[in-house]
C-alpha atoms as a PDB file:
ATOM      1  CA  UNK A   1       0.198   0.135  -0.247  1.00  0.00           C
ATOM      2  CA  UNK A   2       1.497   3.342  -1.142  1.00  0.00           C
ATOM      3  CA  UNK A   3       1.653   5.679   1.735  1.00  0.00           C
ATOM      4  CA  UNK A   4       1.123   9.738   1.421  1.00  0.00           C
ATOM      5  CA  UNK A   5       3.908  11.391   2.868  1.00  0.00           C
ATOM      6  CA  UNK A   6       2.924  15.017   4.119  1.00  0.00           C
ATOM      7  CA  UNK A   7       5.310  17.659   2.609  1.00  0.00           C
ATOM      8  CA  UNK A   8       7.047  19.181   5.921  1.00  0.00           C
ATOM      9  CA  UNK A   9       5.739  23.064   6.279  1.00  0.00           C
ATOM     10  CA  UNK A  10       8.207  25.599   5.469  1.00  0.00           C
ATOM     11  CA  UNK A  11      10.706  26.655   8.147  1.00  0.00           C
ATOM     12  CA  UNK A  12      11.696  30.382   7.925  1.00  0.00           C
ATOM     13  CA  UNK A  13      15.137  30.906   7.379  1.00  0.00           C
ATOM     14  CA  UNK A  14      16.902  33.694   9.609  1.00  0.00           C
ATOM     15  CA  UNK A  15      16.146  36.764   7.098  1.00  0.00           C
ATOM     16  CA  UNK A  16      12.401  35.821   6.949  1.00  0.00           C
ATOM     17  CA  UNK A  17      12.259  35.493  11.111  1.00  0.00           C
ATOM     18  CA  UNK A  18      13.995  38.606  11.285  1.00  0.00           C
ATOM     19  CA  UNK A  19      11.349  40.629   9.007  1.00  0.00           C
ATOM     20  CA  UNK A  20       8.450  38.719  10.708  1.00  0.00           C
ATOM     21  CA  UNK A  21       9.981  39.787  14.180  1.00  0.00           C
ATOM     22  CA  UNK A  22      10.603  43.644  12.942  1.00  0.00           C
ATOM     23  CA  UNK A  23       6.466  43.827  12.364  1.00  0.00           C
ATOM     24  CA  UNK A  24       4.924  41.700  15.201  1.00  0.00           C
ATOM     25  CA  UNK A  25       2.973  43.563  17.807  1.00  0.00           C
ATOM     26  CA  UNK A  26       3.604  47.027  15.634  1.00  0.00           C
ATOM     27  CA  UNK A  27       1.845  49.212  13.588  1.00  0.00           C
ATOM     28  CA  UNK A  28       2.944  48.235   9.836  1.00  0.00           C
ATOM     29  CA  UNK A  29       2.731  51.468   8.511  1.00  0.00           C
ATOM     30  CA  UNK A  30       5.252  52.622  10.856  1.00  0.00           C
ATOM     31  CA  UNK A  31       7.470  49.651  10.773  1.00  0.00           C
ATOM     32  CA  UNK A  32       7.558  49.602   6.914  1.00  0.00           C
ATOM     33  CA  UNK A  33       7.867  53.439   6.701  1.00  0.00           C
ATOM     34  CA  UNK A  34      10.076  53.652   9.332  1.00  0.00           C
ATOM     35  CA  UNK A  35      12.476  50.888   7.658  1.00  0.00           C
ATOM     36  CA  UNK A  36      12.135  52.068   3.999  1.00  0.00           C
ATOM     37  CA  UNK A  37      13.208  55.733   4.524  1.00  0.00           C
ATOM     38  CA  UNK A  38      16.492  54.804   6.850  1.00  0.00           C
ATOM     39  CA  UNK A  39      17.538  52.152   3.773  1.00  0.00           C
ATOM     40  CA  UNK A  40      17.078  54.841   1.473  1.00  0.00           C
ATOM     41  CA  UNK A  41      19.243  57.232   3.452  1.00  0.00           C
ATOM     42  CA  UNK A  42      21.383  54.429   3.975  1.00  0.00           C
ATOM     43  CA  UNK A  43      21.839  53.068   0.303  1.00  0.00           C
ATOM     44  CA  UNK A  44      21.813  56.879  -0.862  1.00  0.00           C
ATOM     45  CA  UNK A  45      24.334  58.822   0.986  1.00  0.00           C
ATOM     46  CA  UNK A  46      26.867  55.040   1.607  1.00  0.00           C
ATOM     47  CA  UNK A  47      26.488  54.299  -2.453  1.00  0.00           C
ATOM     48  CA  UNK A  48      28.335  57.940  -2.560  1.00  0.00           C
ATOM     49  CA  UNK A  49      31.229  57.463  -0.368  1.00  0.00           C
ATOM     50  CA  UNK A  50      33.181  55.241  -2.667  1.00  0.00           C
ATOM     51  CA  UNK A  51      33.032  58.041  -5.457  1.00  0.00           C
ATOM     52  CA  UNK A  52      33.622  60.885  -2.364  1.00  0.00           C
ATOM     53  CA  UNK A  53      36.302  58.684  -1.794  1.00  0.00           C
ATOM     54  CA  UNK A  54      38.089  58.642  -5.345  1.00  0.00           C
ATOM     55  CA  UNK A  55      37.844  62.824  -5.865  1.00  0.00           C
ATOM     56  CA  UNK A  56      40.784  62.861  -3.187  1.00  0.00           C
ATOM     57  CA  UNK A  57      43.064  60.157  -4.592  1.00  0.00           C
ATOM     58  CA  UNK A  58      44.594  61.279  -7.670  1.00  0.00           C
ATOM     59  CA  UNK A  59      44.985  57.638  -9.396  1.00  0.00           C
ATOM     60  CA  UNK A  60      41.256  57.657 -10.066  1.00  0.00           C
ATOM     61  CA  UNK A  61      41.172  60.782 -12.028  1.00  0.00           C
ATOM     62  CA  UNK A  62      41.987  59.323 -15.131  1.00  0.00           C
ATOM     63  CA  UNK A  63      38.491  57.774 -14.731  1.00  0.00           C
ATOM     64  CA  UNK A  64      36.782  61.278 -14.037  1.00  0.00           C
ATOM     65  CA  UNK A  65      34.316  61.878 -17.067  1.00  0.00           C
ATOM     66  CA  UNK A  66      34.912  65.867 -16.416  1.00  0.00           C
ATOM     67  CA  UNK A  67      38.472  65.904 -15.128  1.00  0.00           C
ATOM     68  CA  UNK A  68      39.130  69.786 -15.446  1.00  0.00           C
ATOM     69  CA  UNK A  69      36.171  70.594 -13.625  1.00  0.00           C
ATOM     70  CA  UNK A  70      36.598  70.226  -9.707  1.00  0.00           C
ATOM     71  CA  UNK A  71      33.706  70.424  -7.517  1.00  0.00           C
ATOM     72  CA  UNK A  72      34.396  72.001  -3.842  1.00  0.00           C
ATOM     73  CA  UNK A  73      33.262  70.925  -0.382  1.00  0.00           C
ATOM     74  CA  UNK A  74      30.589  73.780  -0.754  1.00  0.00           C
ATOM     75  CA  UNK A  75      28.950  72.083  -3.784  1.00  0.00           C
ATOM     76  CA  UNK A  76      28.706  68.790  -1.893  1.00  0.00           C
ATOM     77  CA  UNK A  77      27.551  70.715   1.232  1.00  0.00           C
ATOM     78  CA  UNK A  78      24.773  72.461  -0.563  1.00  0.00           C
ATOM     79  CA  UNK A  79      23.928  69.730  -2.577  1.00  0.00           C
ATOM     80  CA  UNK A  80      23.616  67.490   0.683  1.00  0.00           C
ATOM     81  CA  UNK A  81      21.452  69.993   2.785  1.00  0.00           C
ATOM     82  CA  UNK A  82      19.205  70.336  -0.354  1.00  0.00           C
ATOM     83  CA  UNK A  83      18.865  66.471  -0.805  1.00  0.00           C
ATOM     84  CA  UNK A  84      18.333  65.721   3.192  1.00  0.00           C
ATOM     85  CA  UNK A  85      15.256  68.866   2.776  1.00  0.00           C
ATOM     86  CA  UNK A  86      13.813  66.960   0.043  1.00  0.00           C
ATOM     87  CA  UNK A  87      14.009  63.511   1.474  1.00  0.00           C
ATOM     88  CA  UNK A  88      12.541  64.697   4.935  1.00  0.00           C
ATOM     89  CA  UNK A  89       9.944  66.671   3.570  1.00  0.00           C
ATOM     90  CA  UNK A  90       8.652  65.196   0.336  1.00  0.00           C
ATOM     91  CA  UNK A  91      10.075  61.669   0.094  1.00  0.00           C
ATOM     92  CA  UNK A  92       9.780  60.919   3.358  1.00  0.00           C
ATOM     93  CA  UNK A  93       5.734  61.204   3.583  1.00  0.00           C
ATOM     94  CA  UNK A  94       5.760  59.546   0.014  1.00  0.00           C
ATOM     95  CA  UNK A  95       7.655  56.706   1.592  1.00  0.00           C
ATOM     96  CA  UNK A  96       5.122  56.360   4.953  1.00  0.00           C
ATOM     97  CA  UNK A  97       1.984  56.843   2.241  1.00  0.00           C
ATOM     98  CA  UNK A  98       3.329  53.426  -0.102  1.00  0.00           C
ATOM     99  CA  UNK A  99       2.373  50.926   2.865  1.00  0.00           C
ATOM    100  CA  UNK A 100      -1.125  51.870   3.007  1.00  0.00           C
ATOM    101  CA  UNK A 101      -0.984  51.759  -0.755  1.00  0.00           C
ATOM    102  CA  UNK A 102       0.261  48.377  -1.351  1.00  0.00           C
ATOM    103  CA  UNK A 103      -2.170  47.037   1.435  1.00  0.00           C
ATOM    104  CA  UNK A 104      -4.943  48.069  -0.583  1.00  0.00           C
ATOM    105  CA  UNK A 105      -3.477  46.574  -3.733  1.00  0.00           C
ATOM    106  CA  UNK A 106      -3.364  43.158  -1.637  1.00  0.00           C
ATOM    107  CA  UNK A 107       0.780  43.283  -2.022  1.00  0.00           C
ATOM    108  CA  UNK A 108       2.312  40.728   0.080  1.00  0.00           C
ATOM    109  CA  UNK A 109       4.126  41.892   3.206  1.00  0.00           C
ATOM    110  CA  UNK A 110       4.516  38.676   5.236  1.00  0.00           C
ATOM    111  CA  UNK A 111       7.093  36.033   4.959  1.00  0.00           C
ATOM    112  CA  UNK A 112       7.953  33.976   3.334  1.00  0.00           C
ATOM    113  CA  UNK A 113       9.705  35.657   0.426  1.00  0.00           C
ATOM    114  CA  UNK A 114       9.204  35.114  -2.882  1.00  0.00           C
ATOM    115  CA  UNK A 115      11.788  33.015  -4.960  1.00  0.00           C
ATOM    116  CA  UNK A 116      14.863  34.410  -6.922  1.00  0.00           C
ATOM    117  CA  UNK A 117      13.483  32.921 -10.112  1.00  0.00           C
ATOM    118  CA  UNK A 118      10.101  35.356  -9.782  1.00  0.00           C
ATOM    119  CA  UNK A 119      11.732  38.286  -8.150  1.00  0.00           C
ATOM    120  CA  UNK A 120      14.268  39.097 -11.069  1.00  0.00           C
ATOM    121  CA  UNK A 121      11.981  38.604 -13.979  1.00  0.00           C
ATOM    122  CA  UNK A 122       9.910  41.306 -12.081  1.00  0.00           C
ATOM    123  CA  UNK A 123      12.937  43.570 -11.374  1.00  0.00           C
ATOM    124  CA  UNK A 124      13.588  43.514 -15.081  1.00  0.00           C
ATOM    125  CA  UNK A 125      10.299  44.447 -15.597  1.00  0.00           C
ATOM    126  CA  UNK A 126      10.220  47.552 -13.259  1.00  0.00           C
ATOM    127  CA  UNK A 127      13.615  49.113 -14.853  1.00  0.00           C
ATOM    128  CA  UNK A 128      12.213  48.510 -18.130  1.00  0.00           C
ATOM    129  CA  UNK A 129       9.220  50.130 -16.966  1.00  0.00           C
ATOM    130  CA  UNK A 130      11.254  53.184 -15.212  1.00  0.00           C
ATOM    131  CA  UNK A 131      13.231  53.545 -17.952  1.00  0.00           C
ATOM    132  CA  UNK A 132      10.872  54.588 -20.677  1.00  0.00           C
ATOM    133  CA  UNK A 133       8.816  56.487 -18.169  1.00  0.00           C
ATOM    134  CA  UNK A 134      11.812  58.452 -17.235  1.00  0.00           C
ATOM    135  CA  UNK A 135      12.894  58.967 -20.824  1.00  0.00           C
ATOM    136  CA  UNK A 136       9.553  60.624 -21.990  1.00  0.00           C
ATOM    137  CA  UNK A 137       9.143  62.783 -18.756  1.00  0.00           C
ATOM    138  CA  UNK A 138      12.732  63.874 -18.525  1.00  0.00           C
ATOM    139  CA  UNK A 139      12.536  64.848 -22.439  1.00  0.00           C
ATOM    140  CA  UNK A 140       9.251  66.877 -21.558  1.00  0.00           C
ATOM    141  CA  UNK A 141      11.285  68.321 -19.140  1.00  0.00           C
ATOM    142  CA  UNK A 142      13.491  70.194 -21.322  1.00  0.00           C
ATOM    143  CA  UNK A 143      10.876  71.946 -22.781  1.00  0.00           C
ATOM    144  CA  UNK A 144      11.762  75.772 -22.436  1.00  0.00           C
ATOM    145  CA  UNK A 145       9.146  76.703 -20.212  1.00  0.00           C
ATOM    146  CA  UNK A 146       9.204  73.305 -18.047  1.00  0.00           C
ATOM    147  CA  UNK A 147      12.963  73.263 -17.845  1.00  0.00           C
ATOM    148  CA  UNK A 148      13.253  77.309 -16.819  1.00  0.00           C
ATOM    149  CA  UNK A 149      10.527  76.821 -13.963  1.00  0.00           C
ATOM    150  CA  UNK A 150      11.384  73.067 -12.558  1.00  0.00           C
ATOM    151  CA  UNK A 151      14.135  71.068 -14.299  1.00  0.00           C
ATOM    152  CA  UNK A 152      16.800  73.800 -14.526  1.00  0.00           C
ATOM    153  CA  UNK A 153      17.350  73.317 -10.569  1.00  0.00           C
ATOM    154  CA  UNK A 154      18.959  69.510 -11.348  1.00  0.00           C
ATOM    155  CA  UNK A 155      21.220  70.945 -14.004  1.00  0.00           C
ATOM    156  CA  UNK A 156      23.024  73.381 -11.575  1.00  0.00           C
ATOM    157  CA  UNK A 157      25.905  70.834 -11.664  1.00  0.00           C
ATOM    158  CA  UNK A 158      27.476  70.582 -14.990  1.00  0.00           C
ATOM    159  CA  UNK A 159      29.498  67.994 -13.666  1.00  0.00           C
ATOM    160  CA  UNK A 160      27.507  65.729 -11.481  1.00  0.00           C
ATOM    161  CA  UNK A 161      28.480  63.626  -8.235  1.00  0.00           C
ATOM    162  CA  UNK A 162      26.476  60.917  -6.948  1.00  0.00           C
ATOM    163  CA  UNK A 163      24.349  62.687  -4.417  1.00  0.00           C
ATOM    164  CA  UNK A 164      23.255  64.870  -7.307  1.00  0.00           C
ATOM    165  CA  UNK A 165      21.281  62.283  -8.502  1.00  0.00           C
ATOM    166  CA  UNK A 166      18.161  63.655  -6.479  1.00  0.00           C
ATOM    167  CA  UNK A 167      19.285  67.351  -6.552  1.00  0.00           C
ATOM    168  CA  UNK A 168      16.131  68.394  -8.306  1.00  0.00           C
ATOM    169  CA  UNK A 169      12.631  70.423  -7.791  1.00  0.00           C
ATOM    170  CA  UNK A 170      10.398  69.106  -5.516  1.00  0.00           C
ATOM    171  CA  UNK A 171       7.781  68.768  -8.444  1.00  0.00           C
ATOM    172  CA  UNK A 172      10.279  66.760 -10.551  1.00  0.00           C
ATOM    173  CA  UNK A 173      11.064  64.534  -8.035  1.00  0.00           C
ATOM    174  CA  UNK A 174       7.557  63.513  -7.231  1.00  0.00           C
ATOM    175  CA  UNK A 175       6.592  63.327 -11.139  1.00  0.00           C
ATOM    176  CA  UNK A 176       9.776  61.258 -11.879  1.00  0.00           C
ATOM    177  CA  UNK A 177       9.238  59.078  -8.658  1.00  0.00           C
ATOM    178  CA  UNK A 178       6.189  57.758 -10.198  1.00  0.00           C
ATOM    179  CA  UNK A 179       8.450  55.828 -12.640  1.00  0.00           C
ATOM    180  CA  UNK A 180       9.815  54.160  -9.663  1.00  0.00           C
ATOM    181  CA  UNK A 181       6.955  53.134  -7.203  1.00  0.00           C
ATOM    182  CA  UNK A 182       4.328  52.993 -10.198  1.00  0.00           C
ATOM    183  CA  UNK A 183       5.678  50.410 -12.158  1.00  0.00           C
ATOM    184  CA  UNK A 184       5.485  47.660  -9.138  1.00  0.00           C
ATOM    185  CA  UNK A 185       2.119  49.061  -8.630  1.00  0.00           C
ATOM    186  CA  UNK A 186       0.909  48.871 -12.270  1.00  0.00           C
ATOM    187  CA  UNK A 187       2.684  45.164 -12.434  1.00  0.00           C
ATOM    188  CA  UNK A 188       0.842  44.489  -9.387  1.00  0.00           C
ATOM    189  CA  UNK A 189      -2.423  45.639 -10.562  1.00  0.00           C
ATOM    190  CA  UNK A 190      -2.271  44.150 -13.919  1.00  0.00           C
ATOM    191  CA  UNK A 191      -1.059  41.098 -12.857  1.00  0.00           C
ATOM    192  CA  UNK A 192      -4.190  40.263 -10.428  1.00  0.00           C
ATOM    193  CA  UNK A 193      -6.509  41.726 -12.700  1.00  0.00           C
ATOM    194  CA  UNK A 194      -5.683  40.496 -15.853  1.00  0.00           C
ATOM    195  CA  UNK A 195      -2.945  37.908 -15.889  1.00  0.00           C
ATOM    196  CA  UNK A 196      -3.856  35.915 -13.139  1.00  0.00           C
ATOM    197  CA  UNK A 197      -0.153  34.593 -13.373  1.00  0.00           C
ATOM    198  CA  UNK A 198      -0.488  32.422 -10.401  1.00  0.00           C
ATOM    199  CA  UNK A 199       0.384  32.995  -6.663  1.00  0.00           C
ATOM    200  CA  UNK A 200       4.125  32.819  -7.140  1.00  0.00           C
ATOM    201  CA  UNK A 201       4.135  35.769  -9.075  1.00  0.00           C
ATOM    202  CA  UNK A 202       2.409  38.114  -6.671  1.00  0.00           C
ATOM    203  CA  UNK A 203       4.794  41.208  -5.984  1.00  0.00           C
ATOM    204  CA  UNK A 204       6.186  40.960  -2.198  1.00  0.00           C
ATOM    205  CA  UNK A 205       7.031  44.225  -0.766  1.00  0.00           C
ATOM    206  CA  UNK A 206      10.443  42.791  -0.092  1.00  0.00           C
ATOM    207  CA  UNK A 207      10.905  42.885  -3.976  1.00  0.00           C
ATOM    208  CA  UNK A 208       9.752  46.272  -4.021  1.00  0.00           C
ATOM    209  CA  UNK A 209      12.228  47.432  -1.543  1.00  0.00           C
ATOM    210  CA  UNK A 210      15.434  45.333  -3.358  1.00  0.00           C
ATOM    211  CA  UNK A 211      14.017  47.521  -6.837  1.00  0.00           C
ATOM    212  CA  UNK A 212      14.413  50.686  -4.829  1.00  0.00           C
ATOM    213  CA  UNK A 213      17.809  49.699  -3.641  1.00  0.00           C
ATOM    214  CA  UNK A 214      18.697  48.725  -7.377  1.00  0.00           C
ATOM    215  CA  UNK A 215      17.367  52.011  -8.891  1.00  0.00           C
ATOM    216  CA  UNK A 216      19.273  54.047  -6.086  1.00  0.00           C
ATOM    217  CA  UNK A 217      22.450  52.425  -6.684  1.00  0.00           C
ATOM    218  CA  UNK A 218      21.827  52.947 -10.585  1.00  0.00           C
ATOM    219  CA  UNK A 219      20.838  56.575 -10.328  1.00  0.00           C
ATOM    220  CA  UNK A 220      23.989  57.254  -7.888  1.00  0.00           C
ATOM    221  CA  UNK A 221      26.427  55.492 -10.217  1.00  0.00           C
ATOM    222  CA  UNK A 222      24.875  57.448 -13.400  1.00  0.00           C
ATOM    223  CA  UNK A 223      26.015  60.822 -11.556  1.00  0.00           C
ATOM    224  CA  UNK A 224      28.976  59.956 -10.119  1.00  0.00           C
ATOM    225  CA  UNK A 225      30.971  61.620 -12.828  1.00  0.00           C
ATOM    226  CA  UNK A 226      33.215  58.225 -13.472  1.00  0.00           C
ATOM    227  CA  UNK A 227      33.484  55.708 -16.095  1.00  0.00           C
ATOM    228  CA  UNK A 228      35.505  52.923 -14.676  1.00  0.00           C
ATOM    229  CA  UNK A 229      36.960  49.860 -16.868  1.00  0.00           C
ATOM    230  CA  UNK A 230      34.527  47.702 -14.512  1.00  0.00           C
ATOM    231  CA  UNK A 231      31.940  50.058 -15.352  1.00  0.00           C
ATOM    232  CA  UNK A 232      28.473  48.118 -15.777  1.00  0.00           C
ATOM    233  CA  UNK A 233      28.226  49.929 -19.322  1.00  0.00           C
ATOM    234  CA  UNK A 234      31.364  47.778 -20.224  1.00  0.00           C
ATOM    235  CA  UNK A 235      29.947  44.541 -19.706  1.00  0.00           C
ATOM    236  CA  UNK A 236      26.500  45.307 -20.536  1.00  0.00           C
ATOM    237  CA  UNK A 237      26.370  47.341 -24.328  1.00  0.00           C
ATOM    238  CA  UNK A 238      22.708  49.116 -23.570  1.00  0.00           C
ATOM    239  CA  UNK A 239      23.553  50.063 -20.252  1.00  0.00           C
ATOM    240  CA  UNK A 240      23.503  53.469 -20.260  1.00  0.00           C
ATOM    241  CA  UNK A 241      25.666  54.666 -16.763  1.00  0.00           C
ATOM    242  CA  UNK A 242      27.493  57.648 -15.974  1.00  0.00           C
ATOM    243  CA  UNK A 243      29.331  57.703 -19.188  1.00  0.00           C
ATOM    244  CA  UNK A 244      25.580  58.252 -21.243  1.00  0.00           C
ATOM    245  CA  UNK A 245      24.199  60.592 -18.520  1.00  0.00           C
ATOM    246  CA  UNK A 246      27.433  62.884 -17.725  1.00  0.00           C
ATOM    247  CA  UNK A 247      27.290  63.998 -21.400  1.00  0.00           C
ATOM    248  CA  UNK A 248      23.600  64.953 -20.308  1.00  0.00           C
ATOM    249  CA  UNK A 249      25.389  67.375 -17.683  1.00  0.00           C
ATOM    250  CA  UNK A 250      27.645  68.626 -19.792  1.00  0.00           C
ATOM    251  CA  UNK A 251      25.643  69.373 -22.897  1.00  0.00           C
ATOM    252  CA  UNK A 252      22.167  70.240 -21.605  1.00  0.00           C
ATOM    253  CA  UNK A 253      20.756  67.807 -24.254  1.00  0.00           C
ATOM    254  CA  UNK A 254      20.294  64.768 -25.281  1.00  0.00           C
ATOM    255  CA  UNK A 255      20.539  61.326 -23.570  1.00  0.00           C
ATOM    256  CA  UNK A 256      17.529  61.482 -21.689  1.00  0.00           C
ATOM    257  CA  UNK A 257      17.104  57.795 -20.222  1.00  0.00           C
ATOM    258  CA  UNK A 258      17.807  56.565 -16.737  1.00  0.00           C
ATOM    259  CA  UNK A 259      19.017  53.129 -17.500  1.00  0.00           C
ATOM    260  CA  UNK A 260      19.090  51.655 -20.861  1.00  0.00           C
ATOM    261  CA  UNK A 261      20.558  53.805 -24.079  1.00  0.00           C
ATOM    262  CA  UNK A 262      17.858  52.331 -26.716  1.00  0.00           C
ATOM    263  CA  UNK A 263      15.099  54.746 -26.472  1.00  0.00           C
ATOM    264  CA  UNK A 264      18.109  57.777 -27.230  1.00  0.00           C
ATOM    265  CA  UNK A 265      19.269  56.105 -29.952  1.00  0.00           C
ATOM    266  CA  UNK A 266      15.773  54.816 -31.797  1.00  0.00           C
ATOM    267  CA  UNK A 267      14.600  58.207 -31.308  1.00  0.00           C
ATOM    268  CA  UNK A 268      17.711  59.931 -32.254  1.00  0.00           C
ATOM    269  CA  UNK A 269      18.485  61.691 -29.116  1.00  0.00           C
ATOM    270  CA  UNK A 270      21.924  60.468 -28.498  1.00  0.00           C
ATOM    271  CA  UNK A 271      23.487  61.663 -32.051  1.00  0.00           C
ATOM    272  CA  UNK A 272      25.502  64.224 -30.298  1.00  0.00           C
ATOM    273  CA  UNK A 273      26.632  62.298 -27.887  1.00  0.00           C
ATOM    274  CA  UNK A 274      27.816  59.798 -30.053  1.00  0.00           C
ATOM    275  CA  UNK A 275      29.533  62.131 -32.355  1.00  0.00           C
ATOM    276  CA  UNK A 276      31.376  63.472 -29.267  1.00  0.00           C
ATOM    277  CA  UNK A 277      32.450  60.552 -27.868  1.00  0.00           C
ATOM    278  CA  UNK A 278      33.835  59.618 -31.603  1.00  0.00           C
ATOM    279  CA  UNK A 279      35.607  62.804 -31.543  1.00  0.00           C
ATOM    280  CA  UNK A 280      37.322  61.740 -28.217  1.00  0.00           C
ATOM    281  CA  UNK A 281      38.393  58.463 -29.369  1.00  0.00           C
ATOM    282  CA  UNK A 282      40.023  60.010 -32.662  1.00  0.00           C
ATOM    283  CA  UNK A 283      41.553  62.478 -30.344  1.00  0.00           C
ATOM    284  CA  UNK A 284      42.941  59.616 -28.263  1.00  0.00           C
ATOM    285  CA  UNK A 285      43.904  57.575 -31.334  1.00  0.00           C
ATOM    286  CA  UNK A 286      45.860  60.450 -32.426  1.00  0.00           C
ATOM    287  CA  UNK A 287      48.021  60.984 -29.475  1.00  0.00           C
ATOM    288  CA  UNK A 288      48.817  57.455 -29.107  1.00  0.00           C
ATOM    289  CA  UNK A 289      50.288  57.890 -32.688  1.00  0.00           C
ATOM    290  CA  UNK A 290      52.311  60.636 -31.931  1.00  0.00           C
ATOM    291  CA  UNK A 291      53.720  58.857 -29.122  1.00  0.00           C
ATOM    292  CA  UNK A 292      54.911  55.986 -31.475  1.00  0.00           C
END
């Protein structure tokens, strides 16, 4: 006689247990808000520190995209104050507002966490959505009336540095921020209402937090002002990175996308950038030829 062996109940791992303990007996809105805000600040400023250190080490100047433009300590301090002001007064409330929105939409919060084979496709979708949204809105921001009243703030630094990623008019921060938060919410609603892909594809809050971490890292890297040999754009051809975005700050035009190069290429808004990089390559080739 065949005996049916019942599957053993899933045992939460250490990280999932800590996640549950964090919420146990506490207001979930406050827990999510505080955790997400602290995470945001640690990642945002923490990711900038390596680039700041590079500014004081002469060896790394060779990787600086605009080596002749030096940002002063006063630039860093002014930028830090403005960014902290925005984080506390504008982004903070939006972060706290996200939990009730996620709960209302039925997003998962409790452990266990989703498996990696379901997380990474969602992250790819979020990156693609945000990049497309960012391209459209960013290009609109360069329409003279909007540029003068809103987007000009972000272009105060022609040679950007990491924490200048969110140095912008509060309205611009809010509008562009929808590309980050809107992607997961739209994905979740479409999956629930129309696709019905199965519970394993349901969106979890942990996936959203991981997405925000990756998006912050990408934004800070793109504004770092450094193009290292190990930068991601040298490994993934369609990745934008600092090499792509730094030109936008230098020339005040073109290269509107945030993460990928394809929209700028397809819509012809990177022609000046490609011509500029071609001239640079020719100049380097001629210099090397003279040395021989």
